[in-house]
Amino acid sequence: MKKKKEESLSSSESPLSFLSLPHDIVFNTLARIPRTSYPNLSLVSKSFRSLLSSLASRPHDHSSEDPRSTSTSA
């Protein structure tokens, strides 16, 4: 009986999610994925699909790219 109670407690805990990260981190990460992959990624969940559609409607912004990729002259 005790084991069954432990199982029900662990199943009621919500798992950590990619979508629980701060929005700027999520958008920055997804912005690095080719838009051609969005249809496959949209199958993950409804909330992920909604996030991808909002990201796809934004114009591509190079300012969110990795700052190490920009060259600076010293």
N, C-alpha and C. Protein backbone atom coordinates (compact mmCIF):
# COMPACT_ATOMS: atom_id res chain seq x y z
N MET A 1 0.82 -1.21 0.00
CA MET A 1 0.00 0.00 0.00
C MET A 1 0.85 1.26 0.00
N LYS A 2 1.90 1.25 0.79
CA LYS A 2 2.73 2.44 0.88
C LYS A 2 3.35 2.78 -0.48
N LYS A 3 3.76 1.76 -1.22
CA LYS A 3 4.37 2.00 -2.53
C LYS A 3 3.38 2.65 -3.48
N LYS A 4 2.14 2.21 -3.45
CA LYS A 4 1.12 2.79 -4.33
C LYS A 4 0.89 4.26 -4.00
N LYS A 5 0.92 4.60 -2.72
CA LYS A 5 0.74 5.99 -2.31
C LYS A 5 1.89 6.85 -2.82
N GLU A 6 3.12 6.34 -2.74
CA GLU A 6 4.28 7.07 -3.24
C GLU A 6 4.18 7.30 -4.74
N GLU A 7 3.70 6.30 -5.48
CA GLU A 7 3.55 6.44 -6.92
C GLU A 7 2.55 7.53 -7.27
N SER A 8 1.44 7.58 -6.54
CA SER A 8 0.43 8.59 -6.84
C SER A 8 0.93 9.99 -6.52
N LEU A 9 1.76 10.12 -5.50
CA LEU A 9 2.32 11.43 -5.18
C LEU A 9 3.30 11.89 -6.26
N SER A 10 4.14 10.97 -6.73
CA SER A 10 5.12 11.37 -7.73
C SER A 10 4.45 11.65 -9.08
N SER A 11 3.35 10.99 -9.38
CA SER A 11 2.67 11.23 -10.65
C SER A 11 1.90 12.55 -10.63
N SER A 12 1.58 13.06 -9.44
CA SER A 12 0.85 14.32 -9.37
C SER A 12 1.78 15.53 -9.46
N GLU A 13 3.08 15.32 -9.27
CA GLU A 13 4.03 16.42 -9.41
C GLU A 13 4.14 16.80 -10.87
N SER A 14 4.19 18.10 -11.14
CA SER A 14 4.31 18.51 -12.53
C SER A 14 5.78 18.50 -12.94
N PRO A 15 6.10 17.94 -14.10
CA PRO A 15 7.49 17.89 -14.54
C PRO A 15 7.96 19.27 -14.99
N LEU A 16 9.26 19.48 -14.93
CA LEU A 16 9.81 20.73 -15.43
C LEU A 16 9.64 20.76 -16.93
N SER A 17 9.44 21.92 -17.46
CA SER A 17 9.16 22.06 -18.87
C SER A 17 10.05 23.12 -19.48
N PHE A 18 10.33 22.95 -20.76
CA PHE A 18 11.06 23.96 -21.53
C PHE A 18 10.31 25.28 -21.47
N LEU A 19 8.99 25.21 -21.47
CA LEU A 19 8.16 26.41 -21.46
C LEU A 19 8.13 27.09 -20.10
N SER A 20 8.68 26.46 -19.07
CA SER A 20 8.74 27.11 -17.76
C SER A 20 9.96 28.01 -17.62
N LEU A 21 10.83 27.98 -18.62
CA LEU A 21 11.99 28.88 -18.62
C LEU A 21 11.54 30.31 -18.90
N PRO A 22 12.37 31.30 -18.57
CA PRO A 22 12.02 32.69 -18.91
C PRO A 22 11.80 32.84 -20.42
N HIS A 23 10.83 33.68 -20.78
CA HIS A 23 10.44 33.82 -22.18
C HIS A 23 11.59 34.24 -23.09
N ASP A 24 12.47 35.12 -22.63
CA ASP A 24 13.56 35.55 -23.49
C ASP A 24 14.52 34.41 -23.80
N ILE A 25 14.72 33.49 -22.86
CA ILE A 25 15.57 32.33 -23.12
C ILE A 25 14.90 31.38 -24.10
N VAL A 26 13.61 31.17 -23.93
CA VAL A 26 12.86 30.29 -24.84
C VAL A 26 12.89 30.86 -26.26
N PHE A 27 12.59 32.15 -26.40
CA PHE A 27 12.58 32.76 -27.73
C PHE A 27 13.97 32.77 -28.36
N ASN A 28 14.99 33.04 -27.56
CA ASN A 28 16.35 33.06 -28.09
C ASN A 28 16.76 31.67 -28.56
N THR A 29 16.38 30.65 -27.81
CA THR A 29 16.70 29.27 -28.20
C THR A 29 15.96 28.87 -29.46
N LEU A 30 14.66 29.15 -29.51
CA LEU A 30 13.87 28.76 -30.68
C LEU A 30 14.25 29.57 -31.92
N ALA A 31 14.74 30.78 -31.74
CA ALA A 31 15.15 31.61 -32.87
C ALA A 31 16.34 31.00 -33.61
N ARG A 32 17.07 30.14 -32.95
CA ARG A 32 18.24 29.50 -33.56
C ARG A 32 17.87 28.24 -34.35
N ILE A 33 16.64 27.82 -34.24
CA ILE A 33 16.17 26.63 -34.96
C ILE A 33 15.62 27.06 -36.31
N PRO A 34 15.98 26.36 -37.38
CA PRO A 34 15.45 26.74 -38.70
C PRO A 34 13.92 26.68 -38.72
N ARG A 35 13.33 27.68 -39.36
CA ARG A 35 11.86 27.73 -39.43
C ARG A 35 11.28 26.53 -40.18
N THR A 36 12.09 25.88 -40.99
CA THR A 36 11.61 24.68 -41.69
C THR A 36 11.33 23.54 -40.71
N SER A 37 11.88 23.62 -39.51
CA SER A 37 11.65 22.59 -38.48
C SER A 37 10.41 22.86 -37.65
N TYR A 38 9.82 24.05 -37.76
CA TYR A 38 8.66 24.42 -36.95
C TYR A 38 7.47 23.47 -37.10
N PRO A 39 7.15 23.01 -38.31
CA PRO A 39 6.00 22.09 -38.41
C PRO A 39 6.18 20.82 -37.56
N ASN A 40 7.37 20.27 -37.56
CA ASN A 40 7.61 19.08 -36.72
C ASN A 40 7.58 19.43 -35.24
N LEU A 41 8.17 20.56 -34.88
CA LEU A 41 8.19 20.97 -33.47
C LEU A 41 6.80 21.32 -32.96
N SER A 42 5.93 21.76 -33.84
CA SER A 42 4.58 22.15 -33.41
C SER A 42 3.77 20.95 -32.94
N LEU A 43 4.24 19.75 -33.21
CA LEU A 43 3.55 18.54 -32.78
C LEU A 43 3.82 18.19 -31.32
N VAL A 44 4.72 18.90 -30.67
CA VAL A 44 5.08 18.61 -29.28
C VAL A 44 3.88 18.81 -28.36
N SER A 45 3.25 19.98 -28.44
CA SER A 45 2.09 20.26 -27.60
C SER A 45 1.38 21.49 -28.13
N LYS A 46 0.18 21.74 -27.64
CA LYS A 46 -0.58 22.92 -28.07
C LYS A 46 0.13 24.20 -27.66
N SER A 47 0.66 24.23 -26.45
CA SER A 47 1.34 25.45 -26.00
C SER A 47 2.63 25.68 -26.78
N PHE A 48 3.32 24.61 -27.14
CA PHE A 48 4.53 24.74 -27.95
C PHE A 48 4.17 25.23 -29.35
N ARG A 49 3.07 24.72 -29.90
CA ARG A 49 2.61 25.16 -31.22
C ARG A 49 2.27 26.65 -31.19
N SER A 50 1.61 27.09 -30.15
CA SER A 50 1.26 28.50 -30.00
C SER A 50 2.52 29.36 -29.91
N LEU A 51 3.48 28.90 -29.15
CA LEU A 51 4.74 29.62 -29.01
C LEU A 51 5.46 29.73 -30.35
N LEU A 52 5.51 28.64 -31.09
CA LEU A 52 6.17 28.66 -32.40
C LEU A 52 5.45 29.57 -33.38
N SER A 53 4.13 29.58 -33.35
CA SER A 53 3.40 30.44 -34.28
C SER A 53 3.62 31.91 -33.95
N SER A 54 3.74 32.24 -32.66
CA SER A 54 4.02 33.63 -32.30
C SER A 54 5.45 34.00 -32.69
N LEU A 55 6.36 33.07 -32.60
CA LEU A 55 7.74 33.32 -33.00
C LEU A 55 7.85 33.44 -34.52
N ALA A 56 7.10 32.61 -35.24
CA ALA A 56 7.15 32.63 -36.70
C ALA A 56 6.57 33.92 -37.26
N SER A 57 5.67 34.56 -36.53
CA SER A 57 5.07 35.80 -37.02
C SER A 57 5.99 37.00 -36.83
N ARG A 58 7.03 36.83 -36.02
CA ARG A 58 7.99 37.91 -35.82
C ARG A 58 8.99 37.95 -36.96
N PRO A 59 9.45 39.13 -37.34
CA PRO A 59 10.52 39.19 -38.34
C PRO A 59 11.81 38.65 -37.72
N HIS A 60 12.66 38.07 -38.55
CA HIS A 60 13.92 37.51 -38.06
C HIS A 60 14.80 38.64 -37.56
N ASP A 61 15.27 38.52 -36.33
CA ASP A 61 16.07 39.58 -35.71
C ASP A 61 17.45 39.03 -35.41
N HIS A 62 18.45 39.56 -36.09
CA HIS A 62 19.81 39.09 -35.89
C HIS A 62 20.42 39.60 -34.59
N SER A 63 19.80 40.56 -33.94
CA SER A 63 20.36 41.10 -32.70
C SER A 63 20.29 40.10 -31.56
N SER A 64 19.46 39.07 -31.67
CA SER A 64 19.35 38.07 -30.61
C SER A 64 20.35 36.94 -30.79
N GLU A 65 21.17 37.02 -31.83
CA GLU A 65 22.14 35.96 -32.08
C GLU A 65 23.29 36.03 -31.09
N ASP A 66 24.08 35.01 -31.08
CA ASP A 66 25.21 34.89 -30.18
C ASP A 66 26.19 36.04 -30.40
N PRO A 67 26.49 36.81 -29.37
CA PRO A 67 27.39 37.95 -29.55
C PRO A 67 28.80 37.54 -29.93
N ARG A 68 29.17 36.30 -29.68
CA ARG A 68 30.51 35.83 -30.07
C ARG A 68 30.64 35.72 -31.57
N SER A 69 29.51 35.67 -32.29
CA SER A 69 29.57 35.53 -33.75
C SER A 69 29.81 36.86 -34.45
N THR A 70 29.69 37.97 -33.74
CA THR A 70 29.94 39.27 -34.35
C THR A 70 31.39 39.64 -34.17
N SER A 71 31.96 40.25 -35.17
CA SER A 71 33.37 40.61 -35.07
C SER A 71 33.50 42.05 -34.62
N THR A 72 34.49 42.29 -33.78
CA THR A 72 34.77 43.65 -33.34
C THR A 72 36.23 43.92 -33.60
N SER A 73 36.52 45.13 -33.98
CA SER A 73 37.92 45.47 -34.22
C SER A 73 38.48 46.15 -32.99
N ALA A 74 39.67 45.69 -32.57
CA ALA A 74 40.27 46.24 -31.35
C ALA A 74 41.45 47.12 -31.68
